Protein backbone atom coordinates (compact mmCIF):
# COMPACT_ATOMS: atom_id res chain seq x y z
CA MET A 1 0.00 0.00 0.00
CA THR A 2 1.81 3.10 -1.20
CA CYS A 3 -0.75 5.92 -1.24
CA TYR A 4 -1.28 8.56 1.42
CA CYS A 5 -4.15 6.55 2.91
CA SER A 6 -1.62 4.11 4.35
CA LYS A 7 -0.37 6.86 6.67
CA ILE A 8 -3.88 7.85 7.68
CA LEU A 9 -4.78 4.26 8.54
CA LYS A 10 -2.09 4.31 11.21
CA THR A 11 -3.35 7.42 12.99
CA LYS A 12 -5.36 7.50 16.22
CA GLU A 13 -8.43 8.69 14.34
CA MET A 14 -8.59 5.35 12.48
CA LYS A 15 -8.21 3.02 15.44
CA ALA A 16 -11.92 2.25 15.93
CA LYS A 17 -12.74 1.86 12.24
CA LYS A 18 -13.44 -1.48 10.63
CA ILE A 19 -11.21 -1.58 7.55
CA LEU A 20 -10.14 -4.18 5.04
CA SER A 21 -6.73 -5.81 5.29
CA VAL A 22 -4.54 -5.11 2.29
CA SER A 23 -2.67 -7.73 0.30
CA LYS A 24 0.42 -6.97 -1.73
CA THR A 25 -1.31 -7.89 -4.97
CA ALA A 26 -4.79 -6.39 -4.71
CA MET A 27 -5.94 -3.08 -3.27
CA VAL A 28 -8.48 -0.41 -4.00
CA CYS A 29 -7.69 2.75 -2.10
CA ILE A 30 -10.74 4.98 -2.19
CA GLY A 31 -11.01 5.83 1.47
CA ILE A 32 -12.33 9.38 1.17
CA CYS A 33 -9.61 10.56 3.50
CA LEU A 34 -10.87 14.11 3.78
CA ILE A 35 -14.01 13.10 5.68
CA LEU A 36 -11.94 11.52 8.42
CA MET A 37 -11.75 14.99 9.91
CA HIS A 38 -15.36 14.56 11.05
CA GLU A 39 -14.65 11.55 13.23
CA ASN A 40 -12.50 10.90 16.29
CA ALA A 41 -12.59 7.33 17.55
CA HIS A 42 -10.26 4.70 19.01
CA GLY A 43 -9.31 0.98 18.34
CA THR A 44 -8.89 -0.75 14.88
CA ALA A 45 -10.61 -3.78 13.40
CA SER A 46 -9.22 -5.38 10.24
CA LYS A 47 -11.13 -7.72 7.98
CA LYS A 48 -9.94 -9.73 5.01
CA SER A 49 -12.01 -11.04 2.13
CA GLY A 50 -11.38 -14.05 -0.06
CA LEU A 51 -8.78 -14.04 -2.80
CA ARG A 52 -9.73 -11.83 -5.76
CA GLN A 53 -13.15 -11.07 -4.35
CA SER A 54 -14.82 -7.68 -4.50
CA TYR A 55 -15.57 -6.56 -0.96
CA VAL A 56 -16.40 -3.21 0.62
CA ALA A 57 -16.43 -2.22 4.29
CA VAL A 58 -18.35 0.83 5.52
CA ASN A 59 -17.80 2.07 9.06
CA GLN A 60 -19.45 5.42 9.80
CA LEU A 61 -17.68 7.83 7.42
CA VAL A 62 -14.87 5.50 6.36
CA VAL A 63 -15.22 3.44 3.18
CA THR A 64 -12.56 0.92 2.14
CA GLY A 65 -12.47 -1.70 -0.59
CA GLN A 66 -10.38 -4.76 -1.38
CA HIS A 67 -9.37 -5.84 -4.88
CA PRO A 68 -9.76 -3.67 -8.02
CA LEU A 69 -13.14 -5.30 -8.66
CA ALA A 70 -14.46 -3.35 -5.67
CA ALA A 71 -13.86 0.06 -7.25
CA LYS A 72 -17.44 0.59 -8.44
CA ALA A 73 -18.94 -0.65 -5.16
CA VAL A 74 -16.64 1.63 -3.16
CA GLY A 75 -17.66 4.62 -5.26
CA GLU A 76 -21.35 3.85 -4.73
CA ALA A 77 -20.79 3.45 -0.99
CA VAL A 78 -18.99 6.79 -0.85
CA VAL A 79 -21.92 8.52 -2.57
CA GLU A 80 -24.33 7.00 -0.05
CA GLN A 81 -22.16 8.14 2.87
CA LEU A 82 -21.98 11.68 1.52
CA LYS A 83 -25.79 11.73 1.23
CA TYR A 84 -26.06 10.36 4.75
CA ASN A 85 -24.04 13.30 6.04
CA GLU A 86 -25.94 16.08 4.27
CA GLU A 87 -28.33 18.31 6.18
CA VAL A 88 -31.63 16.54 6.71
CA ALA A 89 -35.15 17.80 7.37
CA LYS A 90 -37.92 15.65 8.81
CA LEU A 91 -41.63 16.23 9.45
CA THR A 92 -43.50 13.84 11.73
CA ARG A 93 -47.28 13.84 12.00
CA TYR A 94 -49.13 12.40 15.02
CA GLU A 95 -52.89 12.02 15.39
CA VAL A 96 -53.69 11.28 19.02
CA ASN A 97 -56.80 10.32 20.94
CA GLU A 98 -58.43 13.34 22.57
CA ALA A 99 -57.88 12.00 26.10
CA TYR A 100 -54.10 11.94 25.56
CA GLN A 101 -53.56 15.22 23.69
CA LYS A 102 -52.11 17.10 26.66
CA LYS A 103 -49.88 14.22 27.69
CA LEU A 104 -48.47 13.77 24.19
CA ARG A 105 -47.87 17.51 23.87
CA LYS A 106 -45.88 17.33 27.08
CA VAL A 107 -43.76 14.46 25.75
CA LEU A 108 -43.19 16.12 22.37
CA GLY A 109 -42.39 19.43 24.05
CA LYS A 110 -39.77 17.73 26.22
CA TYR A 111 -38.26 16.07 23.17
CA VAL A 112 -38.07 19.35 21.21
CA ARG A 113 -36.41 21.20 24.08
CA HIS A 114 -33.99 18.30 24.52
CA VAL A 115 -32.84 18.21 20.89
CA ASN A 116 -32.73 22.00 20.53
CA ALA A 117 -29.84 21.95 22.98
CA LYS A 118 -27.85 19.58 20.74
CA LYS A 119 -25.00 21.10 18.78
CA ASN A 120 -25.93 19.32 15.55
CA ASN A 121 -29.61 20.27 15.67
CA ILE A 122 -30.51 23.14 13.34
CA MET A 123 -34.08 23.55 14.51
CA ALA A 124 -36.85 21.59 16.20
CA GLU A 125 -40.41 22.73 16.81
CA ALA A 126 -43.68 21.12 17.88
CA TYR A 127 -47.15 22.20 16.75
CA TYR A 128 -50.81 21.33 16.88
CA GLU A 129 -53.19 22.11 14.03
CA GLU A 130 -55.50 25.05 14.50
CA GLY A 131 -59.04 23.70 14.37
CA ASN A 132 -57.88 20.11 14.81
CA PRO A 133 -55.74 19.89 17.98
CA SER A 134 -55.62 16.08 17.82
CA VAL A 135 -53.09 16.43 14.97
CA LEU A 136 -49.58 17.26 16.15
CA TRP A 137 -46.43 17.92 14.12
CA VAL A 138 -42.74 17.83 14.99
CA ILE A 139 -40.49 19.62 12.49
CA GLU A 140 -36.76 18.96 12.72
CA ARG A 141 -33.61 19.86 10.82
CA TRP A 142 -30.19 18.37 11.53
CA SER A 143 -26.64 18.75 10.26
CA SER A 144 -26.76 15.10 9.10
CA LYS A 145 -28.96 12.03 9.17
CA GLU A 146 -26.27 10.28 11.21
CA ARG A 147 -26.56 12.84 14.00
CA MET A 148 -30.35 12.76 13.88
CA ASN A 149 -30.42 8.97 14.16
CA LYS A 150 -28.16 9.04 17.19
CA ILE A 151 -30.82 11.05 19.00
CA GLY A 152 -33.19 8.14 18.40
CA LYS A 153 -31.20 6.20 20.95
CA THR A 154 -31.68 8.74 23.71
CA LEU A 155 -34.15 8.23 26.53
CA SER A 156 -36.17 11.28 25.55
CA SER A 157 -36.68 10.03 22.01
CA ARG A 158 -37.45 6.44 23.03
CA THR A 159 -40.04 7.66 25.52
CA MET A 160 -41.63 9.82 22.84
CA LYS A 161 -41.88 6.91 20.40
CA TRP A 162 -43.32 4.52 22.96
CA PHE A 163 -45.96 7.01 24.11
CA ALA A 164 -46.94 8.05 20.62
CA LYS A 165 -47.24 4.49 19.37
CA SER A 166 -49.54 3.40 22.18
CA LYS A 167 -51.87 6.42 22.14
CA LEU A 168 -52.17 7.30 18.46
CA ILE A 169 -55.29 6.95 16.32
CA GLN A 170 -53.05 5.82 13.46
CA PRO A 171 -49.30 5.25 13.07
CA ALA A 172 -47.11 8.32 13.04
CA LYS A 173 -46.18 9.49 9.55
CA THR A 174 -42.61 10.61 8.84
CA ILE A 175 -41.79 12.76 5.81
CA TYR A 176 -38.21 13.51 4.75
CA VAL A 177 -37.71 16.64 2.67
CA LYS A 178 -34.85 18.46 0.98
CA ASP A 179 -34.76 22.21 1.51
CA LEU A 180 -34.51 24.33 -1.63
CA GLU A 181 -32.43 27.48 -1.15
CA PRO A 182 -31.88 26.57 2.53
CA ILE A 183 -31.28 29.11 5.26
CA SER A 184 -28.71 28.98 8.05
CA LYS A 185 -29.11 27.65 11.57
CA LYS A 186 -28.96 31.23 12.85
CA GLU A 187 -31.87 32.17 10.61
CA TRP A 188 -33.87 29.11 11.67
CA ARG A 189 -33.37 30.10 15.29
CA ARG A 190 -34.84 33.57 14.69
CA THR A 191 -37.57 34.13 17.27
CA PRO A 192 -40.76 36.22 17.40
CA GLU A 193 -40.97 39.43 19.40
CA GLU A 194 -42.55 39.38 22.85
CA GLU A 195 -45.74 41.04 21.58
CA ASP A 196 -46.12 38.72 18.56
CA HIS A 197 -48.77 36.03 18.16
CA PRO A 198 -47.01 33.85 15.58
CA ILE A 199 -48.69 31.46 13.21
CA THR A 200 -47.01 28.89 10.98
CA ILE A 201 -48.45 27.86 7.63
CA MET A 202 -47.53 24.55 6.06
CA LEU A 203 -48.75 24.00 2.50
CA PHE A 204 -48.36 20.64 0.78
CA VAL A 205 -48.23 20.94 -3.02
CA ASP A 206 -48.75 17.91 -5.27
CA SER A 207 -47.64 19.11 -8.72
CA GLN A 208 -48.77 17.66 -12.00
CA PRO A 209 -45.85 15.68 -13.50
CA GLY A 210 -43.74 17.85 -15.75
CA THR A 211 -44.63 21.12 -14.00
CA GLU A 212 -42.42 20.78 -10.90
CA ILE A 213 -39.47 22.63 -12.47
CA ALA A 214 -41.72 25.57 -13.32
CA PHE A 215 -42.95 25.60 -9.70
CA LYS A 216 -39.39 25.74 -8.37
CA GLU A 217 -38.51 28.53 -10.77
CA ILE A 218 -41.52 30.58 -9.66
CA TYR A 219 -40.49 30.20 -6.03
CA HIS A 220 -36.84 30.88 -6.81
CA LYS A 221 -37.82 34.28 -8.15
CA ALA A 222 -40.28 35.09 -5.36
CA MET A 223 -38.37 33.71 -2.34
CA PRO A 224 -36.10 36.73 -1.67
CA GLN A 225 -39.16 38.99 -1.66
CA PHE A 226 -41.15 36.66 0.60
CA ARG A 227 -38.29 36.47 3.10
CA SER A 228 -37.92 40.24 3.15
CA GLU A 229 -41.54 40.87 4.18
CA PRO A 230 -41.62 42.68 7.54
CA GLY A 231 -44.00 40.14 9.10
CA VAL A 232 -42.11 37.02 8.01
CA ILE A 233 -39.97 35.20 10.58
CA ASN A 234 -38.98 32.29 8.31
CA TYR A 235 -39.95 31.05 4.88
CA GLN A 236 -38.77 27.78 3.33
CA LEU A 237 -39.74 25.67 0.32
CA SER A 238 -38.82 21.96 0.45
CA GLN A 239 -39.16 19.02 -1.91
CA LEU A 240 -40.18 15.58 -0.66
CA GLU A 241 -37.29 13.13 -0.91
CA ASP A 242 -39.38 10.22 -2.20
CA ASP A 243 -41.39 12.18 -4.79
CA SER A 244 -39.95 15.06 -6.82
CA THR A 245 -43.43 16.29 -7.77
CA GLN A 246 -44.40 17.00 -4.15
CA PHE A 247 -43.40 20.05 -2.13
CA VAL A 248 -44.12 21.61 1.23
CA THR A 249 -43.75 25.21 2.38
CA TYR A 250 -42.91 26.36 5.89
CA GLU A 251 -44.11 29.92 6.46
CA LYS A 252 -43.85 31.47 9.92
CA PHE A 253 -45.46 34.87 10.39
CA ARG A 254 -45.42 37.20 13.38
CA ASN A 255 -49.21 37.36 13.50
CA GLU A 256 -52.39 36.92 11.48
CA GLU A 257 -52.07 40.42 10.00
CA ALA A 258 -48.65 39.51 8.59
CA PHE A 259 -50.12 36.40 6.97
CA GLN A 260 -52.96 38.37 5.39
CA TYR A 261 -50.43 40.90 4.10
CA HIS A 262 -48.52 38.03 2.49
CA LEU A 263 -51.65 36.73 0.75
CA ASN A 264 -52.12 40.15 -0.85
CA PHE A 265 -48.42 40.69 -1.59
CA LEU A 266 -47.98 41.21 -5.35
CA PRO A 267 -45.08 38.71 -5.82
CA ILE A 268 -47.30 35.86 -4.57
CA GLN A 269 -49.64 36.05 -7.58
CA PRO A 270 -47.55 33.75 -9.86
CA VAL A 271 -47.55 31.17 -7.05
CA ILE A 272 -51.34 31.41 -6.69
CA ASP A 273 -51.75 31.11 -10.46
CA TYR A 274 -49.67 27.94 -10.45
CA LEU A 275 -51.59 26.45 -7.52
CA ASN A 276 -54.89 27.13 -9.29
CA THR A 277 -53.84 25.48 -12.55
CA SER A 278 -51.00 22.99 -12.15
CA ILE A 279 -51.56 20.74 -9.13
CA LYS A 280 -53.25 17.32 -9.10
CA LYS A 281 -56.15 18.11 -6.80
CA GLN A 282 -58.13 21.32 -6.35
CA PRO A 283 -58.61 23.46 -4.44
CA PHE A 284 -55.03 23.90 -3.29
CA GLN A 285 -56.27 24.93 0.17
CA ILE A 286 -56.82 21.21 0.87
CA GLY A 287 -53.09 20.96 1.48
CA LEU A 288 -52.92 23.99 3.79
CA HIS A 289 -52.30 23.50 7.52
CA ARG A 290 -52.41 26.31 10.05
CA LEU A 291 -50.13 25.40 12.94
CA ILE A 292 -49.86 26.71 16.48
CA GLU A 293 -46.47 26.21 18.14
CA PHE A 294 -46.36 24.77 21.65
CA ALA A 295 -42.63 24.07 21.89
CA PRO A 296 -40.11 25.57 22.35
CA ILE A 297 -41.99 28.94 22.57
CA ASN A 298 -38.95 31.22 22.47
CA ARG A 299 -39.37 34.99 22.48
CA GLN A 300 -36.94 37.87 22.10
């Protein structure tokens, strides 16, 4: 093994990684060395495959392959790992029996406050639907899916899952989305003023196939103007990961007056025109959810 990776494999940072042993006659060295900076672990495990067999080992952010036949598989594994460590956004919907609404809100509120304190959490908020308080939402954004999944092992998260599963009308629904023109963690943590009565609007958009690019272009042009409105706290358009024709907006306003101003704001007209002509099911208001935040309730 003559490449620079051989030096890296001997460092402390590599000691807890499962890697492939290297023969003198066969080696694929695509370790993605630069992402080792993200990990600090201890102890090394070496594994050897059969002679002239393609084999790939993946351990957290480290990908190694044995034999030249493994080159393609290593490349595919690297792509998956890079996706795994992109920012991730998740929406979770709960519909709870009326008798347990307050208890579940308490559990979800505790979870949101717990994860908001985590360094790798970008934002986490909990809501109930205005007019239908049995429907609760948790909206989360994380620096990576790896970090988010680690939270799933915490007591707070396990308690939340157990409670929700046993008291729900139907199973919780999880939706992964990719933010388009994402904002920073600092912007996500922007809070309402003390005198505000904030409302969050979530609009699900199911585009007709072939029109989704036009929808993104319309929003691309309007987004800077929407975000600059005086009554807007945050505004984000996201695309569902498992269906490129579906989108969801997150629109947080300081109060009802700010939302009404937005509806009459001139740059919104192309969006309204699209919603009235190019989605699968009319009226578009079917996909609109008015949300009231109950955690974390931060104020300036």
